[in-house]
PDB file of N, CA and C in Angstrom:
ATOM      1  N   MET A   1     204.766 173.509 -29.004  1.00  0.00           N
ATOM      2  CA  MET A   1     205.851 172.890 -28.685  1.00  0.00           C
ATOM      3  C   MET A   1     204.958 172.511 -27.142  1.00  0.00           C
ATOM      4  N   ASN A   2     205.076 170.847 -26.949  1.00  0.00           N
ATOM      5  CA  ASN A   2     204.304 170.842 -25.505  1.00  0.00           C
ATOM      6  C   ASN A   2     205.186 171.505 -24.380  1.00  0.00           C
ATOM      7  N   GLN A   3     204.694 171.075 -22.983  1.00  0.00           N
ATOM      8  CA  GLN A   3     205.499 171.684 -21.770  1.00  0.00           C
ATOM      9  C   GLN A   3     206.776 170.831 -21.638  1.00  0.00           C
ATOM     10  N   THR A   4     206.726 169.210 -22.011  1.00  0.00           N
ATOM     11  CA  THR A   4     207.765 168.297 -21.906  1.00  0.00           C
ATOM     12  C   THR A   4     208.755 168.558 -22.809  1.00  0.00           C
ATOM     13  N   THR A   5     208.470 169.078 -23.830  1.00  0.00           N
ATOM     14  CA  THR A   5     209.614 169.094 -24.596  1.00  0.00           C
ATOM     15  C   THR A   5     210.535 170.544 -24.341  1.00  0.00           C
ATOM     16  N   SER A   6     209.342 171.388 -23.925  1.00  0.00           N
ATOM     17  CA  SER A   6     210.099 172.909 -23.363  1.00  0.00           C
ATOM     18  C   SER A   6     210.881 172.726 -21.871  1.00  0.00           C
ATOM     19  N   ALA A   7     210.616 171.577 -21.126  1.00  0.00           N
ATOM     20  CA  ALA A   7     211.486 171.496 -19.809  1.00  0.00           C
ATOM     21  C   ALA A   7     212.572 170.408 -20.425  1.00  0.00           C
ATOM     22  N   LEU A   8     212.904 169.569 -21.308  1.00  0.00           N
ATOM     23  CA  LEU A   8     213.861 169.086 -22.144  1.00  0.00           C
ATOM     24  C   LEU A   8     214.363 170.123 -22.532  1.00  0.00           C
ATOM     25  N   THR A   9     214.287 171.364 -23.117  1.00  0.00           N
ATOM     26  CA  THR A   9     215.244 171.837 -24.100  1.00  0.00           C
ATOM     27  C   THR A   9     215.992 172.827 -23.587  1.00  0.00           C
ATOM     28  N   SER A  10     215.129 173.142 -21.832  1.00  0.00           N
ATOM     29  CA  SER A  10     215.852 174.231 -20.912  1.00  0.00           C
ATOM     30  C   SER A  10     216.162 173.858 -20.053  1.00  0.00           C
ATOM     31  N   PRO A  11     217.613 172.907 -19.664  1.00  0.00           N
ATOM     32  CA  PRO A  11     217.455 172.821 -18.447  1.00  0.00           C
ATOM     33  C   PRO A  11     217.979 173.573 -16.800  1.00  0.00           C
ATOM     34  N   GLN A  12     217.902 174.703 -17.416  1.00  0.00           N
ATOM     35  CA  GLN A  12     217.985 176.023 -16.093  1.00  0.00           C
ATOM     36  C   GLN A  12     216.309 176.022 -15.926  1.00  0.00           C
ATOM     37  N   GLU A  13     215.365 175.630 -16.137  1.00  0.00           N
ATOM     38  CA  GLU A  13     214.021 175.926 -15.745  1.00  0.00           C
ATOM     39  C   GLU A  13     213.966 174.416 -14.376  1.00  0.00           C
ATOM     40  N   GLY A  14     214.658 173.125 -15.014  1.00  0.00           N
ATOM     41  CA  GLY A  14     214.643 172.374 -14.037  1.00  0.00           C
ATOM     42  C   GLY A  14     215.210 172.567 -12.610  1.00  0.00           C
ATOM     43  N   ILE A  15     216.346 173.103 -12.926  1.00  0.00           N
ATOM     44  CA  ILE A  15     217.700 173.484 -11.623  1.00  0.00           C
ATOM     45  C   ILE A  15     216.532 174.775 -10.909  1.00  0.00           C
ATOM     46  N   THR A  16     216.051 175.575 -11.787  1.00  0.00           N
ATOM     47  CA  THR A  16     215.406 176.742 -11.089  1.00  0.00           C
ATOM     48  C   THR A  16     214.382 176.185  -9.852  1.00  0.00           C
ATOM     49  N   SER A  17     213.732 174.641 -10.553  1.00  0.00           N
ATOM     50  CA  SER A  17     212.303 174.057  -9.609  1.00  0.00           C
ATOM     51  C   SER A  17     212.642 173.768  -8.527  1.00  0.00           C
ATOM     52  N   ILE A  18     214.478 172.986  -8.893  1.00  0.00           N
ATOM     53  CA  ILE A  18     215.055 171.903  -7.665  1.00  0.00           C
ATOM     54  C   ILE A  18     214.644 173.198  -6.547  1.00  0.00           C
ATOM     55  N   ALA A  19     215.525 173.988  -6.904  1.00  0.00           N
ATOM     56  CA  ALA A  19     216.203 175.334  -6.011  1.00  0.00           C
ATOM     57  C   ALA A  19     214.555 175.719  -5.550  1.00  0.00           C
ATOM     58  N   HIS A  20     213.819 175.999  -6.265  1.00  0.00           N
ATOM     59  CA  HIS A  20     212.410 176.860  -5.562  1.00  0.00           C
ATOM     60  C   HIS A  20     211.639 175.464  -4.114  1.00  0.00           C
ATOM     61  N   PHE A  21     211.762 174.654  -4.954  1.00  0.00           N
ATOM     62  CA  PHE A  21     211.181 173.943  -3.978  1.00  0.00           C
ATOM     63  C   PHE A  21     212.160 173.342  -3.053  1.00  0.00           C
ATOM     64  N   LEU A  22     214.115 173.659  -3.190  1.00  0.00           N
ATOM     65  CA  LEU A  22     214.311 173.533  -2.155  1.00  0.00           C
ATOM     66  C   LEU A  22     213.891 174.383  -0.411  1.00  0.00           C
ATOM     67  N   PHE A  23     214.309 175.943  -1.466  1.00  0.00           N
ATOM     68  CA  PHE A  23     214.251 176.827  -0.508  1.00  0.00           C
ATOM     69  C   PHE A  23     212.810 177.085   0.378  1.00  0.00           C
ATOM     70  N   MET A  24     211.737 176.521  -0.731  1.00  0.00           N
ATOM     71  CA  MET A  24     210.802 176.529   0.124  1.00  0.00           C
ATOM     72  C   MET A  24     210.274 175.014   1.222  1.00  0.00           C
ATOM     73  N   GLY A  25     211.124 174.125   0.930  1.00  0.00           N
ATOM     74  CA  GLY A  25     210.677 173.236   1.635  1.00  0.00           C
ATOM     75  C   GLY A  25     211.267 173.592   3.039  1.00  0.00           C
ATOM     76  N   THR A  26     212.744 173.947   2.951  1.00  0.00           N
ATOM     77  CA  THR A  26     213.633 173.958   4.253  1.00  0.00           C
ATOM     78  C   THR A  26     212.953 175.325   5.279  1.00  0.00           C
ATOM     79  N   GLY A  27     212.666 176.415   4.354  1.00  0.00           N
ATOM     80  CA  GLY A  27     212.515 177.656   5.037  1.00  0.00           C
ATOM     81  C   GLY A  27     211.247 177.187   5.676  1.00  0.00           C
ATOM     82  N   ILE A  28     210.110 176.580   4.979  1.00  0.00           N
ATOM     83  CA  ILE A  28     209.020 176.005   5.508  1.00  0.00           C
ATOM     84  C   ILE A  28     209.070 175.533   7.263  1.00  0.00           C
ATOM     85  N   TYR A  29     209.731 174.372   6.679  1.00  0.00           N
ATOM     86  CA  TYR A  29     210.233 173.206   7.766  1.00  0.00           C
ATOM     87  C   TYR A  29     210.928 174.088   9.122  1.00  0.00           C
ATOM     88  N   ALA A  30     212.059 174.799   8.564  1.00  0.00           N
ATOM     89  CA  ALA A  30     212.728 175.662   9.614  1.00  0.00           C
ATOM     90  C   ALA A  30     211.775 176.641  10.615  1.00  0.00           C
ATOM     91  N   LEU A  31     211.068 177.120   9.692  1.00  0.00           N
ATOM     92  CA  LEU A  31     209.966 177.804  10.477  1.00  0.00           C
ATOM     93  C   LEU A  31     209.433 176.884  11.202  1.00  0.00           C
ATOM     94  N   ALA A  32     208.719 175.886  10.959  1.00  0.00           N
ATOM     95  CA  ALA A  32     207.640 175.154  11.840  1.00  0.00           C
ATOM     96  C   ALA A  32     208.267 174.540  12.850  1.00  0.00           C
ATOM     97  N   CYS A  33     209.601 174.309  13.339  1.00  0.00           N
ATOM     98  CA  CYS A  33     210.420 173.342  14.268  1.00  0.00           C
ATOM     99  C   CYS A  33     210.299 174.409  15.264  1.00  0.00           C
ATOM    100  N   ALA A  34     210.427 176.208  14.988  1.00  0.00           N
ATOM    101  CA  ALA A  34     210.230 176.503  16.411  1.00  0.00           C
ATOM    102  C   ALA A  34     208.963 176.179  17.531  1.00  0.00           C
ATOM    103  N   PRO A  35     207.832 176.458  16.848  1.00  0.00           N
ATOM    104  CA  PRO A  35     207.090 175.648  17.664  1.00  0.00           C
ATOM    105  C   PRO A  35     207.106 175.043  18.227  1.00  0.00           C
ATOM    106  N   ALA A  36     207.293 173.796  17.180  1.00  0.00           N
ATOM    107  CA  ALA A  36     207.326 171.850  17.884  1.00  0.00           C
ATOM    108  C   ALA A  36     208.304 171.947  18.903  1.00  0.00           C
ATOM    109  N   ILE A  37     209.918 173.054  18.785  1.00  0.00           N
ATOM    110  CA  ILE A  37     210.524 172.477  19.855  1.00  0.00           C
ATOM    111  C   ILE A  37     210.090 173.209  21.440  1.00  0.00           C
ATOM    112  N   LEU A  38     209.418 174.280  20.901  1.00  0.00           N
ATOM    113  CA  LEU A  38     208.823 174.928  22.476  1.00  0.00           C
ATOM    114  C   LEU A  38     207.944 174.340  23.015  1.00  0.00           C
ATOM    115  N   LEU A  39     206.799 173.081  22.165  1.00  0.00           N
ATOM    116  CA  LEU A  39     206.079 172.472  22.283  1.00  0.00           C
ATOM    117  C   LEU A  39     206.797 170.934  23.030  1.00  0.00           C
ATOM    118  N   ALA A  40     207.898 170.615  22.436  1.00  0.00           N
ATOM    119  CA  ALA A  40     208.445 169.675  23.154  1.00  0.00           C
ATOM    120  C   ALA A  40     209.039 170.220  24.771  1.00  0.00           C
ATOM    121  N   GLU A  41     209.481 171.310  24.258  1.00  0.00           N
ATOM    122  CA  GLU A  41     210.350 171.756  25.929  1.00  0.00           C
ATOM    123  C   GLU A  41     208.793 171.601  26.577  1.00  0.00           C
ATOM    124  N   ARG A  42     208.109 172.154  26.287  1.00  0.00           N
ATOM    125  CA  ARG A  42     206.765 172.363  27.371  1.00  0.00           C
ATOM    126  C   ARG A  42     206.264 171.145  28.072  1.00  0.00           C
ATOM    127  N   LEU A  43     205.982 169.683  27.124  1.00  0.00           N
ATOM    128  CA  LEU A  43     205.614 168.715  27.408  1.00  0.00           C
ATOM    129  C   LEU A  43     207.069 167.976  27.930  1.00  0.00           C
ATOM    130  N   GLY A  44     208.049 168.174  28.089  1.00  0.00           N
ATOM    131  CA  GLY A  44     209.031 167.831  28.742  1.00  0.00           C
ATOM    132  C   GLY A  44     209.929 166.209  27.745  1.00  0.00           C
ATOM    133  N   TRP A  45     209.831 166.415  25.984  1.00  0.00           N
ATOM    134  CA  TRP A  45     210.504 165.948  25.690  1.00  0.00           C
ATOM    135  C   TRP A  45     211.859 166.518  25.085  1.00  0.00           C
ATOM    136  N   SER A  46     212.123 165.417  24.599  1.00  0.00           N
ATOM    137  CA  SER A  46     213.636 165.688  23.568  1.00  0.00           C
ATOM    138  C   SER A  46     213.149 166.762  22.488  1.00  0.00           C
ATOM    139  N   GLN A  47     214.358 167.673  22.519  1.00  0.00           N
ATOM    140  CA  GLN A  47     214.004 168.432  21.257  1.00  0.00           C
ATOM    141  C   GLN A  47     214.966 168.643  20.228  1.00  0.00           C
ATOM    142  N   SER A  48     216.387 167.403  20.630  1.00  0.00           N
ATOM    143  CA  SER A  48     217.042 167.437  20.294  1.00  0.00           C
ATOM    144  C   SER A  48     216.951 166.734  18.549  1.00  0.00           C
ATOM    145  N   PHE A  49     215.979 166.305  18.574  1.00  0.00           N
ATOM    146  CA  PHE A  49     215.971 166.498  16.879  1.00  0.00           C
ATOM    147  C   PHE A  49     215.335 166.984  16.053  1.00  0.00           C
ATOM    148  N   PHE A  50     214.384 168.262  16.852  1.00  0.00           N
ATOM    149  CA  PHE A  50     214.036 169.689  16.369  1.00  0.00           C
ATOM    150  C   PHE A  50     215.294 170.140  15.563  1.00  0.00           C
ATOM    151  N   ASN A  51     215.874 170.682  17.127  1.00  0.00           N
ATOM    152  CA  ASN A  51     217.146 171.041  16.637  1.00  0.00           C
ATOM    153  C   ASN A  51     218.142 170.891  15.954  1.00  0.00           C
ATOM    154  N   ILE A  52     218.373 169.633  15.640  1.00  0.00           N
ATOM    155  CA  ILE A  52     219.350 169.829  14.639  1.00  0.00           C
ATOM    156  C   ILE A  52     219.142 169.361  13.489  1.00  0.00           C
ATOM    157  N   THR A  53     217.554 169.214  13.283  1.00  0.00           N
ATOM    158  CA  THR A  53     217.073 169.304  11.426  1.00  0.00           C
ATOM    159  C   THR A  53     216.433 170.749  11.558  1.00  0.00           C
ATOM    160  N   GLN A  54     216.544 171.128  12.136  1.00  0.00           N
ATOM    161  CA  GLN A  54     216.323 173.064  11.803  1.00  0.00           C
ATOM    162  C   GLN A  54     217.429 173.457  11.329  1.00  0.00           C
ATOM    163  N   LEU A  55     218.496 173.371  12.343  1.00  0.00           N
ATOM    164  CA  LEU A  55     220.020 173.562  11.578  1.00  0.00           C
ATOM    165  C   LEU A  55     220.536 172.747  10.453  1.00  0.00           C
ATOM    166  N   VAL A  56     220.072 171.607  10.028  1.00  0.00           N
ATOM    167  CA  VAL A  56     220.219 171.151   8.696  1.00  0.00           C
ATOM    168  C   VAL A  56     219.637 172.220   7.360  1.00  0.00           C
ATOM    169  N   ALA A  57     218.255 172.142   7.993  1.00  0.00           N
ATOM    170  CA  ALA A  57     217.107 172.917   7.234  1.00  0.00           C
ATOM    171  C   ALA A  57     217.863 174.000   6.783  1.00  0.00           C
ATOM    172  N   THR A  58     218.157 174.941   7.604  1.00  0.00           N
ATOM    173  CA  THR A  58     218.669 176.201   7.829  1.00  0.00           C
ATOM    174  C   THR A  58     219.768 176.598   6.563  1.00  0.00           C
ATOM    175  N   ILE A  59     220.775 175.261   6.915  1.00  0.00           N
ATOM    176  CA  ILE A  59     222.078 175.583   6.305  1.00  0.00           C
ATOM    177  C   ILE A  59     221.747 175.152   4.663  1.00  0.00           C
ATOM    178  N   LEU A  60     220.538 174.456   4.863  1.00  0.00           N
ATOM    179  CA  LEU A  60     220.272 174.042   3.000  1.00  0.00           C
ATOM    180  C   LEU A  60     219.794 175.161   2.765  1.00  0.00           C
ATOM    181  N   CYS A  61     218.689 176.380   3.453  1.00  0.00           N
ATOM    182  CA  CYS A  61     217.947 177.214   2.891  1.00  0.00           C
ATOM    183  C   CYS A  61     218.307 178.430   2.607  1.00  0.00           C
ATOM    184  N   VAL A  62     219.603 178.638   2.757  1.00  0.00           N
ATOM    185  CA  VAL A  62     220.324 179.889   2.179  1.00  0.00           C
ATOM    186  C   VAL A  62     220.567 179.444   1.266  1.00  0.00           C
ATOM    187  N   PRO A  63     221.726 178.707   0.851  1.00  0.00           N
ATOM    188  CA  PRO A  63     222.095 178.778  -0.579  1.00  0.00           C
ATOM    189  C   PRO A  63     221.302 178.453  -1.213  1.00  0.00           C
ATOM    190  N   ALA A  64     220.158 177.183  -1.289  1.00  0.00           N
ATOM    191  CA  ALA A  64     219.165 177.380  -2.424  1.00  0.00           C
ATOM    192  C   ALA A  64     218.372 178.312  -2.457  1.00  0.00           C
ATOM    193  N   ALA A  65     218.178 179.254  -1.616  1.00  0.00           N
ATOM    194  CA  ALA A  65     217.369 180.981  -1.706  1.00  0.00           C
ATOM    195  C   ALA A  65     218.686 181.402  -2.721  1.00  0.00           C
ATOM    196  N   ALA A  66     219.583 181.487  -2.287  1.00  0.00           N
ATOM    197  CA  ALA A  66     220.767 182.601  -3.176  1.00  0.00           C
ATOM    198  C   ALA A  66     220.513 181.987  -4.504  1.00  0.00           C
ATOM    199  N   PHE A  67     220.784 180.772  -4.418  1.00  0.00           N
ATOM    200  CA  PHE A  67     221.245 180.299  -6.125  1.00  0.00           C
ATOM    201  C   PHE A  67     219.695 180.418  -6.830  1.00  0.00           C
ATOM    202  N   PHE A  68     218.282 179.983  -5.523  1.00  0.00           N
ATOM    203  CA  PHE A  68     216.910 180.331  -6.697  1.00  0.00           C
ATOM    204  C   PHE A  68     217.143 181.885  -7.231  1.00  0.00           C
ATOM    205  N   LEU A  69     217.613 182.793  -6.375  1.00  0.00           N
ATOM    206  CA  LEU A  69     217.896 184.269  -6.891  1.00  0.00           C
ATOM    207  C   LEU A  69     218.624 184.854  -8.249  1.00  0.00           C
ATOM    208  N   TRP A  70     220.147 183.781  -7.783  1.00  0.00           N
ATOM    209  CA  TRP A  70     220.932 184.015  -8.803  1.00  0.00           C
ATOM    210  C   TRP A  70     220.298 183.512 -10.166  1.00  0.00           C
ATOM    211  N   LEU A  71     219.362 182.408 -10.578  1.00  0.00           N
ATOM    212  CA  LEU A  71     219.285 181.935 -11.428  1.00  0.00           C
ATOM    213  C   LEU A  71     217.740 183.078 -11.508  1.00  0.00           C
ATOM    214  N   THR A  72     216.672 183.365 -11.569  1.00  0.00           N
ATOM    215  CA  THR A  72     216.271 184.146 -12.065  1.00  0.00           C
ATOM    216  C   THR A  72     216.074 185.382 -11.851  1.00  0.00           C
ATOM    217  N   ARG A  73     217.522 186.274 -11.513  1.00  0.00           N
ATOM    218  CA  ARG A  73     218.060 187.294 -11.755  1.00  0.00           C
ATOM    219  C   ARG A  73     217.644 188.517 -12.848  1.00  0.00           C
ATOM    220  N   GLY A  74     217.059 187.593 -13.974  1.00  0.00           N
ATOM    221  CA  GLY A  74     217.148 188.638 -15.352  1.00  0.00           C
ATOM    222  C   GLY A  74     215.157 188.811 -15.185  1.00  0.00           C
ATOM    223  N   LEU A  75     214.330 188.591 -14.085  1.00  0.00           N
ATOM    224  CA  LEU A  75     212.945 188.031 -13.812  1.00  0.00           C
ATOM    225  C   LEU A  75     212.240 189.050 -13.438  1.00  0.00           C
ATOM    226  N   ARG A  76     211.639 188.872 -13.342  1.00  0.00           N
ATOM    227  CA  ARG A  76     210.357 190.584 -12.661  1.00  0.00           C
ATOM    228  C   ARG A  76     210.279 189.965 -11.253  1.00  0.00           C
ATOM    229  N   PHE A  77     209.937 190.954 -10.148  1.00  0.00           N
ATOM    230  CA  PHE A  77     210.142 190.324  -8.787  1.00  0.00           C
ATOM    231  C   PHE A  77     208.887 189.987  -8.891  1.00  0.00           C
ATOM    232  N   ASN A  78     208.531 188.357  -7.887  1.00  0.00           N
ATOM    233  CA  ASN A  78     207.150 188.246  -7.909  1.00  0.00           C
ATOM    234  C   ASN A  78     207.243 187.595  -6.798  1.00  0.00           C
ATOM    235  N   TRP A  79     206.345 186.942  -6.398  1.00  0.00           N
ATOM    236  CA  TRP A  79     206.153 186.705  -4.880  1.00  0.00           C
ATOM    237  C   TRP A  79     207.456 185.406  -4.504  1.00  0.00           C
ATOM    238  N   ALA A  80     207.709 184.665  -5.277  1.00  0.00           N
ATOM    239  CA  ALA A  80     208.678 183.606  -5.098  1.00  0.00           C
ATOM    240  C   ALA A  80     210.018 184.018  -5.194  1.00  0.00           C
ATOM    241  N   ARG A  81     210.192 185.387  -5.522  1.00  0.00           N
ATOM    242  CA  ARG A  81     211.587 185.864  -5.381  1.00  0.00           C
ATOM    243  C   ARG A  81     211.520 186.901  -4.121  1.00  0.00           C
ATOM    244  N   CYS A  82     210.363 187.401  -3.990  1.00  0.00           N
ATOM    245  CA  CYS A  82     210.457 187.872  -2.673  1.00  0.00           C
ATOM    246  C   CYS A  82     210.663 187.125  -1.320  1.00  0.00           C
ATOM    247  N   PHE A  83     209.904 185.975  -1.701  1.00  0.00           N
ATOM    248  CA  PHE A  83     210.064 184.679  -0.091  1.00  0.00           C
ATOM    249  C   PHE A  83     211.878 184.285  -0.332  1.00  0.00           C
ATOM    250  N   ALA A  84     212.026 184.181  -1.758  1.00  0.00           N
ATOM    251  CA  ALA A  84     213.453 183.598  -1.209  1.00  0.00           C
ATOM    252  C   ALA A  84     214.205 184.609  -0.741  1.00  0.00           C
ATOM    253  N   LEU A  85     213.865 185.829  -1.259  1.00  0.00           N
ATOM    254  CA  LEU A  85     214.789 186.725  -0.372  1.00  0.00           C
ATOM    255  C   LEU A  85     214.943 187.084   0.932  1.00  0.00           C
ATOM    256  N   VAL A  86     213.801 187.382   1.594  1.00  0.00           N
ATOM    257  CA  VAL A  86     213.141 186.837   3.168  1.00  0.00           C
ATOM    258  C   VAL A  86     213.880 185.654   3.469  1.00  0.00           C
ATOM    259  N   ALA A  87     213.695 184.780   2.937  1.00  0.00           N
ATOM    260  CA  ALA A  87     214.301 183.434   3.422  1.00  0.00           C
ATOM    261  C   ALA A  87     215.528 183.445   3.456  1.00  0.00           C
ATOM    262  N   CYS A  88     216.484 184.057   2.599  1.00  0.00           N
ATOM    263  CA  CYS A  88     218.001 184.101   2.584  1.00  0.00           C
ATOM    264  C   CYS A  88     218.342 184.897   3.982  1.00  0.00           C
ATOM    265  N   VAL A  89     217.622 186.008   3.801  1.00  0.00           N
ATOM    266  CA  VAL A  89     218.460 186.899   4.909  1.00  0.00           C
ATOM    267  C   VAL A  89     217.976 186.439   6.107  1.00  0.00           C
ATOM    268  N   LEU A  90     216.883 185.819   6.651  1.00  0.00           N
ATOM    269  CA  LEU A  90     216.712 185.568   7.891  1.00  0.00           C
ATOM    270  C   LEU A  90     217.174 184.275   8.287  1.00  0.00           C
ATOM    271  N   SER A  91     217.474 183.172   7.534  1.00  0.00           N
ATOM    272  CA  SER A  91     217.927 182.141   7.498  1.00  0.00           C
ATOM    273  C   SER A  91     219.868 182.628   7.645  1.00  0.00           C
ATOM    274  N   GLY A  92     219.891 183.229   7.154  1.00  0.00           N
ATOM    275  CA  GLY A  92     221.858 183.603   7.004  1.00  0.00           C
ATOM    276  C   GLY A  92     221.826 184.769   8.613  1.00  0.00           C
ATOM    277  N   LEU A  93     220.999 185.386   8.845  1.00  0.00           N
ATOM    278  CA  LEU A  93     221.280 186.178  10.419  1.00  0.00           C
ATOM    279  C   LEU A  93     220.919 184.921  11.372  1.00  0.00           C
ATOM    280  N   TRP A  94     219.782 183.888  11.135  1.00  0.00           N
ATOM    281  CA  TRP A  94     219.737 183.076  12.096  1.00  0.00           C
ATOM    282  C   TRP A  94     221.178 181.800  12.123  1.00  0.00           C
ATOM    283  N   LEU A  95     222.013 181.736  11.316  1.00  0.00           N
ATOM    284  CA  LEU A  95     222.926 181.198  10.844  1.00  0.00           C
ATOM    285  C   LEU A  95     224.022 182.063  11.820  1.00  0.00           C
ATOM    286  N   VAL A  96     224.349 183.063  11.269  1.00  0.00           N
ATOM    287  CA  VAL A  96     225.483 184.449  12.118  1.00  0.00           C
ATOM    288  C   VAL A  96     224.824 183.864  13.271  1.00  0.00           C
ATOM    289  N   PHE A  97     223.746 184.388  13.926  1.00  0.00           N
ATOM    290  CA  PHE A  97     223.762 183.982  15.027  1.00  0.00           C
ATOM    291  C   PHE A  97     223.937 182.560  15.870  1.00  0.00           C
ATOM    292  N   VAL A  98     223.937 181.500  15.941  1.00  0.00           N
ATOM    293  CA  VAL A  98     224.208 180.474  15.860  1.00  0.00           C
ATOM    294  C   VAL A  98     225.795 180.741  15.787  1.00  0.00           C
ATOM    295  N   LEU A  99     225.916 180.716  15.014  1.00  0.00           N
ATOM    296  CA  LEU A  99     227.759 180.763  15.303  1.00  0.00           C
ATOM    297  C   LEU A  99     228.761 182.229  16.169  1.00  0.00           C
ATOM    298  N   TYR A 100     228.141 182.954  16.446  1.00  0.00           N
ATOM    299  CA  TYR A 100     228.350 184.007  17.151  1.00  0.00           C
ATOM    300  C   TYR A 100     227.632 183.122  19.060  1.00  0.00           C
ATOM    301  N   VAL A 101     227.127 182.483  19.305  1.00  0.00           N
ATOM    302  CA  VAL A 101     226.960 181.895  20.043  1.00  0.00           C
ATOM    303  C   VAL A 101     227.743 180.793  20.082  1.00  0.00           C
ATOM    304  N   LEU A 102     227.937 179.812  19.528  1.00  0.00           N
ATOM    305  CA  LEU A 102     228.693 178.737  19.463  1.00  0.00           C
ATOM    306  C   LEU A 102     229.891 179.181  19.758  1.00  0.00           C
ATOM    307  N   LEU A 103     230.541 180.445  19.255  1.00  0.00           N
ATOM    308  CA  LEU A 103     232.246 181.179  19.441  1.00  0.00           C
ATOM    309  C   LEU A 103     232.378 181.776  20.261  1.00  0.00           C
ATOM    310  N   SER A 104     231.113 182.428  21.165  1.00  0.00           N
ATOM    311  CA  SER A 104     231.354 183.302  21.968  1.00  0.00           C
ATOM    312  C   SER A 104     231.004 182.266  23.734  1.00  0.00           C
ATOM    313  N   LEU A 105     231.188 180.791  23.571  1.00  0.00           N
ATOM    314  CA  LEU A 105     230.956 180.203  24.527  1.00  0.00           C
ATOM    315  C   LEU A 105     231.831 179.944  25.380  1.00  0.00           C
ATOM    316  N   ASP A 106     231.543 180.230  26.831  1.00  0.00           N
ATOM    317  CA  ASP A 106     232.885 180.152  27.589  1.00  0.00           C
ATOM    318  C   ASP A 106     233.353 178.815  28.064  1.00  0.00           C
ATOM    319  N   PHE A 107     234.389 177.373  27.150  1.00  0.00           N
ATOM    320  CA  PHE A 107     234.479 176.241  27.965  1.00  0.00           C
ATOM    321  C   PHE A 107     235.702 176.509  29.233  1.00  0.00           C
ATOM    322  N   SER A 108     235.980 177.120  29.957  1.00  0.00           N
ATOM    323  CA  SER A 108     236.383 177.559  30.687  1.00  0.00           C
ATOM    324  C   SER A 108     235.963 176.975  32.220  1.00  0.00           C
ATOM    325  N   ALA A 109     235.070 177.000  32.409  1.00  0.00           N
ATOM    326  CA  ALA A 109     234.399 176.751  33.516  1.00  0.00           C
ATOM    327  C   ALA A 109     233.793 175.218  33.425  1.00  0.00           C
ATOM    328  N   ILE A 110     234.180 174.473  32.398  1.00  0.00           N
ATOM    329  CA  ILE A 110     233.375 173.699  32.408  1.00  0.00           C
ATOM    330  C   ILE A 110     235.104 172.659  32.743  1.00  0.00           C
ATOM    331  N   GLU A 111     234.780 171.344  33.998  1.00  0.00           N
ATOM    332  CA  GLU A 111     236.152 170.476  34.318  1.00  0.00           C
ATOM    333  C   GLU A 111     235.887 168.950  34.204  1.00  0.00           C
TER     334      GLU A 111
END
């Protein structure tokens, strides 16, 4: 049985690879946005593009990493699962922090 046939017979492998690609890409992009935001701030450029896309990447990273961990729950613990766990926890904490900041803003001073 060749590899193309096995990919067609097991659709869960395709979904797992999509989830793997999604959380790896969004996690790396969200991490890469941090120095880009600092550089843009230092050079006086607008950081809004990086801020918005980092938020979107982080929002996509949490469910993709959790879905990847769910799909590979019976397999042995390897580097991809370890990275997915770290990405899920750190992205979740970042989103909780952003939510905390947004909820604790005091709009009474704005007139």
